Amino acid sequence: MLVYLAYCFRIFFVVLEIIVLLYLFRNIFPAGTFLKYFLLTITAPILFPMQCLMKHSILNTFRVDISPYILLLVLSYLQGICSWLLRQ
């Protein structure tokens, strides 16, 4: 049962990582307003806790919002934990 749960969470984290990457590249590639609005709607609940943490950290001095990049690091770490659980 734990193997199936870890596998499902790993797939979930991969999908979230792809969505966050699309969110990061939304300004680089020309896309319709619907796609930009959709990506903003999907990623806003995920990015909001990271943005709140960034406001109260030492990294608040940057003018660039680095919360998506930190979210990618956290998702990568969680994928590693799920992969480790799958190997057990």
PDB file of N, CA and C in Angstrom:
ATOM      1  N   MET A   1       0.821  -1.194   0.000  1.00  0.00           N
ATOM      2  CA  MET A   1       0.000   0.000   0.000  1.00  0.00           C
ATOM      3  C   MET A   1       0.866   1.260   0.000  1.00  0.00           C
ATOM      4  N   LEU A   2       1.952   1.235   0.772  1.00  0.00           N
ATOM      5  CA  LEU A   2       2.844   2.390   0.832  1.00  0.00           C
ATOM      6  C   LEU A   2       3.516   2.646  -0.518  1.00  0.00           C
ATOM      7  N   VAL A   3       3.783   1.574  -1.250  1.00  0.00           N
ATOM      8  CA  VAL A   3       4.424   1.715  -2.563  1.00  0.00           C
ATOM      9  C   VAL A   3       3.485   2.441  -3.521  1.00  0.00           C
ATOM     10  N   TYR A   4       2.212   2.078  -3.527  1.00  0.00           N
ATOM     11  CA  TYR A   4       1.255   2.739  -4.409  1.00  0.00           C
ATOM     12  C   TYR A   4       1.054   4.205  -4.031  1.00  0.00           C
ATOM     13  N   LEU A   5       1.026   4.469  -2.743  1.00  0.00           N
ATOM     14  CA  LEU A   5       0.869   5.837  -2.272  1.00  0.00           C
ATOM     15  C   LEU A   5       2.077   6.689  -2.660  1.00  0.00           C
ATOM     16  N   ALA A   6       3.277   6.150  -2.481  1.00  0.00           N
ATOM     17  CA  ALA A   6       4.494   6.876  -2.857  1.00  0.00           C
ATOM     18  C   ALA A   6       4.548   7.100  -4.364  1.00  0.00           C
ATOM     19  N   TYR A   7       4.105   6.105  -5.142  1.00  0.00           N
ATOM     20  CA  TYR A   7       4.096   6.245  -6.602  1.00  0.00           C
ATOM     21  C   TYR A   7       3.105   7.326  -7.035  1.00  0.00           C
ATOM     22  N   CYS A   8       1.936   7.357  -6.429  1.00  0.00           N
ATOM     23  CA  CYS A   8       0.931   8.378  -6.768  1.00  0.00           C
ATOM     24  C   CYS A   8       1.422   9.775  -6.399  1.00  0.00           C
ATOM     25  N   PHE A   9       2.045   9.912  -5.226  1.00  0.00           N
ATOM     26  CA  PHE A   9       2.576  11.214  -4.833  1.00  0.00           C
ATOM     27  C   PHE A   9       3.715  11.640  -5.751  1.00  0.00           C
ATOM     28  N   ARG A  10       4.527  10.707  -6.185  1.00  0.00           N
ATOM     29  CA  ARG A  10       5.625  11.041  -7.094  1.00  0.00           C
ATOM     30  C   ARG A  10       5.086  11.577  -8.416  1.00  0.00           C
ATOM     31  N   ILE A  11       4.058  10.931  -8.950  1.00  0.00           N
ATOM     32  CA  ILE A  11       3.434  11.407 -10.189  1.00  0.00           C
ATOM     33  C   ILE A  11       2.804  12.782  -9.969  1.00  0.00           C
ATOM     34  N   PHE A  12       2.167  12.970  -8.821  1.00  0.00           N
ATOM     35  CA  PHE A  12       1.560  14.259  -8.495  1.00  0.00           C
ATOM     36  C   PHE A  12       2.606  15.367  -8.452  1.00  0.00           C
ATOM     37  N   PHE A  13       3.758  15.093  -7.848  1.00  0.00           N
ATOM     38  CA  PHE A  13       4.816  16.090  -7.761  1.00  0.00           C
ATOM     39  C   PHE A  13       5.430  16.384  -9.134  1.00  0.00           C
ATOM     40  N   VAL A  14       5.505  15.385  -9.991  1.00  0.00           N
ATOM     41  CA  VAL A  14       6.014  15.605 -11.350  1.00  0.00           C
ATOM     42  C   VAL A  14       5.059  16.514 -12.120  1.00  0.00           C
ATOM     43  N   VAL A  15       3.764  16.265 -11.998  1.00  0.00           N
ATOM     44  CA  VAL A  15       2.779  17.107 -12.685  1.00  0.00           C
ATOM     45  C   VAL A  15       2.839  18.541 -12.153  1.00  0.00           C
ATOM     46  N   LEU A  16       2.960  18.694 -10.837  1.00  0.00           N
ATOM     47  CA  LEU A  16       3.087  20.038 -10.270  1.00  0.00           C
ATOM     48  C   LEU A  16       4.347  20.740 -10.758  1.00  0.00           C
ATOM     49  N   GLU A  17       5.418  19.996 -10.888  1.00  0.00           N
ATOM     50  CA  GLU A  17       6.663  20.584 -11.372  1.00  0.00           C
ATOM     51  C   GLU A  17       6.520  21.058 -12.815  1.00  0.00           C
ATOM     52  N   ILE A  18       5.839  20.301 -13.633  1.00  0.00           N
ATOM     53  CA  ILE A  18       5.612  20.700 -15.025  1.00  0.00           C
ATOM     54  C   ILE A  18       4.750  21.956 -15.078  1.00  0.00           C
ATOM     55  N   ILE A  19       3.729  22.020 -14.226  1.00  0.00           N
ATOM     56  CA  ILE A  19       2.864  23.201 -14.203  1.00  0.00           C
ATOM     57  C   ILE A  19       3.636  24.441 -13.754  1.00  0.00           C
ATOM     58  N   VAL A  20       4.498  24.291 -12.764  1.00  0.00           N
ATOM     59  CA  VAL A  20       5.293  25.431 -12.298  1.00  0.00           C
ATOM     60  C   VAL A  20       6.295  25.857 -13.372  1.00  0.00           C
ATOM     61  N   LEU A  21       6.869  24.912 -14.087  1.00  0.00           N
ATOM     62  CA  LEU A  21       7.769  25.269 -15.188  1.00  0.00           C
ATOM     63  C   LEU A  21       7.035  26.016 -16.293  1.00  0.00           C
ATOM     64  N   LEU A  22       5.827  25.577 -16.609  1.00  0.00           N
ATOM     65  CA  LEU A  22       5.022  26.301 -17.596  1.00  0.00           C
ATOM     66  C   LEU A  22       4.697  27.704 -17.099  1.00  0.00           C
ATOM     67  N   TYR A  23       4.465  27.835 -15.803  1.00  0.00           N
ATOM     68  CA  TYR A  23       4.211  29.144 -15.205  1.00  0.00           C
ATOM     69  C   TYR A  23       5.432  30.060 -15.352  1.00  0.00           C
ATOM     70  N   LEU A  24       6.609  29.493 -15.175  1.00  0.00           N
ATOM     71  CA  LEU A  24       7.834  30.291 -15.317  1.00  0.00           C
ATOM     72  C   LEU A  24       8.071  30.728 -16.759  1.00  0.00           C
ATOM     73  N   PHE A  25       7.714  29.886 -17.711  1.00  0.00           N
ATOM     74  CA  PHE A  25       7.968  30.183 -19.118  1.00  0.00           C
ATOM     75  C   PHE A  25       6.796  30.863 -19.812  1.00  0.00           C
ATOM     76  N   ARG A  26       5.783  31.268 -19.084  1.00  0.00           N
ATOM     77  CA  ARG A  26       4.593  31.837 -19.713  1.00  0.00           C
ATOM     78  C   ARG A  26       4.866  33.175 -20.378  1.00  0.00           C
ATOM     79  N   ASN A  27       5.842  33.919 -19.898  1.00  0.00           N
ATOM     80  CA  ASN A  27       6.152  35.215 -20.502  1.00  0.00           C
ATOM     81  C   ASN A  27       7.128  35.099 -21.656  1.00  0.00           C
ATOM     82  N   ILE A  28       7.842  34.010 -21.737  1.00  0.00           N
ATOM     83  CA  ILE A  28       8.827  33.838 -22.798  1.00  0.00           C
ATOM     84  C   ILE A  28       8.154  33.441 -24.106  1.00  0.00           C
ATOM     85  N   PHE A  29       7.242  32.469 -24.012  1.00  0.00           N
ATOM     86  CA  PHE A  29       6.568  31.973 -25.208  1.00  0.00           C
ATOM     87  C   PHE A  29       5.227  32.669 -25.380  1.00  0.00           C
ATOM     88  N   PRO A  30       4.891  33.046 -26.605  1.00  0.00           N
ATOM     89  CA  PRO A  30       3.594  33.688 -26.806  1.00  0.00           C
ATOM     90  C   PRO A  30       2.464  32.680 -26.607  1.00  0.00           C
ATOM     91  N   ALA A  31       1.557  33.028 -25.753  1.00  0.00           N
ATOM     92  CA  ALA A  31       0.411  32.163 -25.481  1.00  0.00           C
ATOM     93  C   ALA A  31      -0.811  33.050 -25.305  1.00  0.00           C
ATOM     94  N   GLY A  32      -1.942  32.450 -25.436  1.00  0.00           N
ATOM     95  CA  GLY A  32      -3.176  33.193 -25.282  1.00  0.00           C
ATOM     96  C   GLY A  32      -3.414  33.602 -23.832  1.00  0.00           C
ATOM     97  N   THR A  33      -4.311  34.540 -23.658  1.00  0.00           N
ATOM     98  CA  THR A  33      -4.613  35.001 -22.306  1.00  0.00           C
ATOM     99  C   THR A  33      -5.292  33.922 -21.491  1.00  0.00           C
ATOM    100  N   PHE A  34      -6.021  33.024 -22.171  1.00  0.00           N
ATOM    101  CA  PHE A  34      -6.671  31.936 -21.437  1.00  0.00           C
ATOM    102  C   PHE A  34      -5.639  31.028 -20.794  1.00  0.00           C
ATOM    103  N   LEU A  35      -4.577  30.700 -21.520  1.00  0.00           N
ATOM    104  CA  LEU A  35      -3.534  29.827 -20.972  1.00  0.00           C
ATOM    105  C   LEU A  35      -2.809  30.505 -19.811  1.00  0.00           C
ATOM    106  N   LYS A  36      -2.519  31.791 -19.953  1.00  0.00           N
ATOM    107  CA  LYS A  36      -1.865  32.517 -18.860  1.00  0.00           C
ATOM    108  C   LYS A  36      -2.762  32.578 -17.631  1.00  0.00           C
ATOM    109  N   TYR A  37      -4.052  32.831 -17.840  1.00  0.00           N
ATOM    110  CA  TYR A  37      -4.992  32.884 -16.726  1.00  0.00           C
ATOM    111  C   TYR A  37      -5.141  31.511 -16.075  1.00  0.00           C
ATOM    112  N   PHE A  38      -5.166  30.464 -16.888  1.00  0.00           N
ATOM    113  CA  PHE A  38      -5.275  29.101 -16.371  1.00  0.00           C
ATOM    114  C   PHE A  38      -4.059  28.738 -15.514  1.00  0.00           C
ATOM    115  N   LEU A  39      -2.864  29.053 -16.009  1.00  0.00           N
ATOM    116  CA  LEU A  39      -1.650  28.753 -15.245  1.00  0.00           C
ATOM    117  C   LEU A  39      -1.589  29.558 -13.954  1.00  0.00           C
ATOM    118  N   LEU A  40      -2.017  30.810 -14.007  1.00  0.00           N
ATOM    119  CA  LEU A  40      -2.038  31.627 -12.801  1.00  0.00           C
ATOM    120  C   LEU A  40      -3.048  31.081 -11.786  1.00  0.00           C
ATOM    121  N   THR A  41      -4.190  30.615 -12.276  1.00  0.00           N
ATOM    122  CA  THR A  41      -5.212  30.056 -11.387  1.00  0.00           C
ATOM    123  C   THR A  41      -4.740  28.759 -10.739  1.00  0.00           C
ATOM    124  N   ILE A  42      -4.033  27.937 -11.487  1.00  0.00           N
ATOM    125  CA  ILE A  42      -3.564  26.652 -10.957  1.00  0.00           C
ATOM    126  C   ILE A  42      -2.404  26.856  -9.983  1.00  0.00           C
ATOM    127  N   THR A  43      -1.484  27.747 -10.299  1.00  0.00           N
ATOM    128  CA  THR A  43      -0.281  27.884  -9.473  1.00  0.00           C
ATOM    129  C   THR A  43      -0.435  28.845  -8.303  1.00  0.00           C
ATOM    130  N   ALA A  44      -1.452  29.679  -8.295  1.00  0.00           N
ATOM    131  CA  ALA A  44      -1.605  30.651  -7.211  1.00  0.00           C
ATOM    132  C   ALA A  44      -1.727  29.996  -5.835  1.00  0.00           C
ATOM    133  N   PRO A  45      -2.539  28.947  -5.653  1.00  0.00           N
ATOM    134  CA  PRO A  45      -2.597  28.332  -4.316  1.00  0.00           C
ATOM    135  C   PRO A  45      -1.298  27.642  -3.905  1.00  0.00           C
ATOM    136  N   ILE A  46      -0.505  27.226  -4.882  1.00  0.00           N
ATOM    137  CA  ILE A  46       0.753  26.557  -4.575  1.00  0.00           C
ATOM    138  C   ILE A  46       1.833  27.582  -4.235  1.00  0.00           C
ATOM    139  N   LEU A  47       1.823  28.700  -4.951  1.00  0.00           N
ATOM    140  CA  LEU A  47       2.860  29.707  -4.764  1.00  0.00           C
ATOM    141  C   LEU A  47       2.600  30.632  -3.580  1.00  0.00           C
ATOM    142  N   PHE A  48       1.357  30.785  -3.160  1.00  0.00           N
ATOM    143  CA  PHE A  48       1.042  31.722  -2.089  1.00  0.00           C
ATOM    144  C   PHE A  48       1.782  31.419  -0.783  1.00  0.00           C
ATOM    145  N   PRO A  49       1.828  30.163  -0.311  1.00  0.00           N
ATOM    146  CA  PRO A  49       2.610  29.909   0.920  1.00  0.00           C
ATOM    147  C   PRO A  49       4.091  30.220   0.764  1.00  0.00           C
ATOM    148  N   MET A  50       4.651  29.933  -0.417  1.00  0.00           N
ATOM    149  CA  MET A  50       6.059  30.246  -0.651  1.00  0.00           C
ATOM    150  C   MET A  50       6.291  31.753  -0.649  1.00  0.00           C
ATOM    151  N   GLN A  51       5.376  32.504  -1.223  1.00  0.00           N
ATOM    152  CA  GLN A  51       5.520  33.953  -1.250  1.00  0.00           C
ATOM    153  C   GLN A  51       5.408  34.544   0.153  1.00  0.00           C
ATOM    154  N   CYS A  52       4.551  33.969   0.983  1.00  0.00           N
ATOM    155  CA  CYS A  52       4.450  34.437   2.375  1.00  0.00           C
ATOM    156  C   CYS A  52       5.736  34.138   3.139  1.00  0.00           C
ATOM    157  N   LEU A  53       6.312  32.971   2.907  1.00  0.00           N
ATOM    158  CA  LEU A  53       7.581  32.639   3.552  1.00  0.00           C
ATOM    159  C   LEU A  53       8.703  33.552   3.067  1.00  0.00           C
ATOM    160  N   MET A  54       8.670  33.914   1.795  1.00  0.00           N
ATOM    161  CA  MET A  54       9.699  34.789   1.245  1.00  0.00           C
ATOM    162  C   MET A  54       9.624  36.197   1.833  1.00  0.00           C
ATOM    163  N   LYS A  55       8.423  36.657   2.155  1.00  0.00           N
ATOM    164  CA  LYS A  55       8.275  38.000   2.729  1.00  0.00           C
ATOM    165  C   LYS A  55       8.976  38.116   4.078  1.00  0.00           C
ATOM    166  N   HIS A  56       9.012  37.023   4.813  1.00  0.00           N
ATOM    167  CA  HIS A  56       9.561  37.047   6.168  1.00  0.00           C
ATOM    168  C   HIS A  56      10.955  36.437   6.249  1.00  0.00           C
ATOM    169  N   SER A  57      11.593  36.240   5.112  1.00  0.00           N
ATOM    170  CA  SER A  57      12.925  35.646   5.132  1.00  0.00           C
ATOM    171  C   SER A  57      13.968  36.680   4.725  1.00  0.00           C
ATOM    172  N   ILE A  58      15.197  36.259   4.753  1.00  0.00           N
ATOM    173  CA  ILE A  58      16.298  37.141   4.357  1.00  0.00           C
ATOM    174  C   ILE A  58      16.323  37.346   2.848  1.00  0.00           C
ATOM    175  N   LEU A  59      15.650  36.485   2.105  1.00  0.00           N
ATOM    176  CA  LEU A  59      15.622  36.587   0.650  1.00  0.00           C
ATOM    177  C   LEU A  59      14.633  37.631   0.155  1.00  0.00           C
ATOM    178  N   ASN A  60      14.035  38.382   1.050  1.00  0.00           N
ATOM    179  CA  ASN A  60      13.066  39.401   0.678  1.00  0.00           C
ATOM    180  C   ASN A  60      13.726  40.600   0.006  1.00  0.00           C
ATOM    181  N   THR A  61      15.025  40.704   0.058  1.00  0.00           N
ATOM    182  CA  THR A  61      15.709  41.858  -0.520  1.00  0.00           C
ATOM    183  C   THR A  61      15.741  41.811  -2.039  1.00  0.00           C
ATOM    184  N   PHE A  62      15.512  40.659  -2.630  1.00  0.00           N
ATOM    185  CA  PHE A  62      15.515  40.556  -4.088  1.00  0.00           C
ATOM    186  C   PHE A  62      14.291  41.231  -4.673  1.00  0.00           C
ATOM    187  N   ARG A  63      14.476  41.781  -5.847  1.00  0.00           N
ATOM    188  CA  ARG A  63      13.352  42.391  -6.545  1.00  0.00           C
ATOM    189  C   ARG A  63      12.626  41.393  -7.423  1.00  0.00           C
ATOM    190  N   VAL A  64      13.215  40.246  -7.610  1.00  0.00           N
ATOM    191  CA  VAL A  64      12.622  39.202  -8.434  1.00  0.00           C
ATOM    192  C   VAL A  64      11.932  38.204  -7.517  1.00  0.00           C
ATOM    193  N   ASP A  65      10.762  37.750  -7.943  1.00  0.00           N
ATOM    194  CA  ASP A  65      10.045  36.748  -7.166  1.00  0.00           C
ATOM    195  C   ASP A  65      10.695  35.383  -7.403  1.00  0.00           C
ATOM    196  N   ILE A  66      11.374  34.875  -6.400  1.00  0.00           N
ATOM    197  CA  ILE A  66      12.066  33.593  -6.549  1.00  0.00           C
ATOM    198  C   ILE A  66      11.276  32.442  -5.945  1.00  0.00           C
ATOM    199  N   SER A  67      10.038  32.692  -5.564  1.00  0.00           N
ATOM    200  CA  SER A  67       9.237  31.627  -4.956  1.00  0.00           C
ATOM    201  C   SER A  67       8.975  30.457  -5.911  1.00  0.00           C
ATOM    202  N   PRO A  68       8.784  30.660  -7.242  1.00  0.00           N
ATOM    203  CA  PRO A  68       8.633  29.481  -8.108  1.00  0.00           C
ATOM    204  C   PRO A  68       9.880  28.609  -8.151  1.00  0.00           C
ATOM    205  N   TYR A  69      11.049  29.239  -8.080  1.00  0.00           N
ATOM    206  CA  TYR A  69      12.293  28.468  -8.119  1.00  0.00           C
ATOM    207  C   TYR A  69      12.471  27.655  -6.834  1.00  0.00           C
ATOM    208  N   ILE A  70      12.117  28.253  -5.719  1.00  0.00           N
ATOM    209  CA  ILE A  70      12.203  27.519  -4.456  1.00  0.00           C
ATOM    210  C   ILE A  70      11.165  26.411  -4.420  1.00  0.00           C
ATOM    211  N   LEU A  71       9.995  26.676  -4.997  1.00  0.00           N
ATOM    212  CA  LEU A  71       8.974  25.635  -5.083  1.00  0.00           C
ATOM    213  C   LEU A  71       9.454  24.468  -5.936  1.00  0.00           C
ATOM    214  N   LEU A  72      10.191  24.759  -7.009  1.00  0.00           N
ATOM    215  CA  LEU A  72      10.755  23.673  -7.822  1.00  0.00           C
ATOM    216  C   LEU A  72      11.756  22.843  -7.025  1.00  0.00           C
ATOM    217  N   LEU A  73      12.555  23.496  -6.192  1.00  0.00           N
ATOM    218  CA  LEU A  73      13.490  22.759  -5.335  1.00  0.00           C
ATOM    219  C   LEU A  73      12.748  21.875  -4.332  1.00  0.00           C
ATOM    220  N   VAL A  74      11.693  22.400  -3.742  1.00  0.00           N
ATOM    221  CA  VAL A  74      10.916  21.623  -2.768  1.00  0.00           C
ATOM    222  C   VAL A  74      10.245  20.438  -3.457  1.00  0.00           C
ATOM    223  N   LEU A  75       9.680  20.657  -4.635  1.00  0.00           N
ATOM    224  CA  LEU A  75       9.040  19.556  -5.362  1.00  0.00           C
ATOM    225  C   LEU A  75      10.057  18.498  -5.769  1.00  0.00           C
ATOM    226  N   SER A  76      11.237  18.931  -6.166  1.00  0.00           N
ATOM    227  CA  SER A  76      12.289  17.973  -6.508  1.00  0.00           C
ATOM    228  C   SER A  76      12.699  17.149  -5.292  1.00  0.00           C
ATOM    229  N   TYR A  77      12.792  17.798  -4.138  1.00  0.00           N
ATOM    230  CA  TYR A  77      13.128  17.081  -2.902  1.00  0.00           C
ATOM    231  C   TYR A  77      12.033  16.075  -2.552  1.00  0.00           C
ATOM    232  N   LEU A  78      10.785  16.464  -2.680  1.00  0.00           N
ATOM    233  CA  LEU A  78       9.681  15.552  -2.374  1.00  0.00           C
ATOM    234  C   LEU A  78       9.640  14.377  -3.359  1.00  0.00           C
ATOM    235  N   GLN A  79       9.993  14.632  -4.621  1.00  0.00           N
ATOM    236  CA  GLN A  79      10.091  13.532  -5.584  1.00  0.00           C
ATOM    237  C   GLN A  79      11.195  12.561  -5.186  1.00  0.00           C
ATOM    238  N   GLY A  80      12.298  13.096  -4.691  1.00  0.00           N
ATOM    239  CA  GLY A  80      13.390  12.231  -4.227  1.00  0.00           C
ATOM    240  C   GLY A  80      12.978  11.367  -3.052  1.00  0.00           C
ATOM    241  N   ILE A  81      12.200  11.933  -2.143  1.00  0.00           N
ATOM    242  CA  ILE A  81      11.706  11.139  -1.010  1.00  0.00           C
ATOM    243  C   ILE A  81      10.791  10.028  -1.503  1.00  0.00           C
ATOM    244  N   CYS A  82       9.923  10.350  -2.450  1.00  0.00           N
ATOM    245  CA  CYS A  82       9.027   9.317  -2.982  1.00  0.00           C
ATOM    246  C   CYS A  82       9.813   8.235  -3.734  1.00  0.00           C
ATOM    247  N   SER A  83      10.831   8.642  -4.459  1.00  0.00           N
ATOM    248  CA  SER A  83      11.670   7.647  -5.151  1.00  0.00           C
ATOM    249  C   SER A  83      12.406   6.763  -4.151  1.00  0.00           C
ATOM    250  N   TRP A  84      12.861   7.354  -3.058  1.00  0.00           N
ATOM    251  CA  TRP A  84      13.531   6.568  -2.014  1.00  0.00           C
ATOM    252  C   TRP A  84      12.555   5.580  -1.386  1.00  0.00           C
ATOM    253  N   LEU A  85      11.329   6.007  -1.168  1.00  0.00           N
ATOM    254  CA  LEU A  85      10.327   5.095  -0.603  1.00  0.00           C
ATOM    255  C   LEU A  85       9.983   3.975  -1.564  1.00  0.00           C
ATOM    256  N   LEU A  86      10.047   4.255  -2.861  1.00  0.00           N
ATOM    257  CA  LEU A  86       9.755   3.210  -3.847  1.00  0.00           C
ATOM    258  C   LEU A  86      10.871   2.167  -3.896  1.00  0.00           C
ATOM    259  N   ARG A  87      12.104   2.586  -3.601  1.00  0.00           N
ATOM    260  CA  ARG A  87      13.219   1.631  -3.608  1.00  0.00           C
ATOM    261  C   ARG A  87      13.249   0.763  -2.370  1.00  0.00           C
ATOM    262  N   GLN A  88      12.577   1.170  -1.313  1.00  0.00           N
ATOM    263  CA  GLN A  88      12.591   0.403  -0.060  1.00  0.00           C
ATOM    264  C   GLN A  88      11.776  -0.859  -0.158  1.00  0.00           C
TER     265      GLN A  88
END
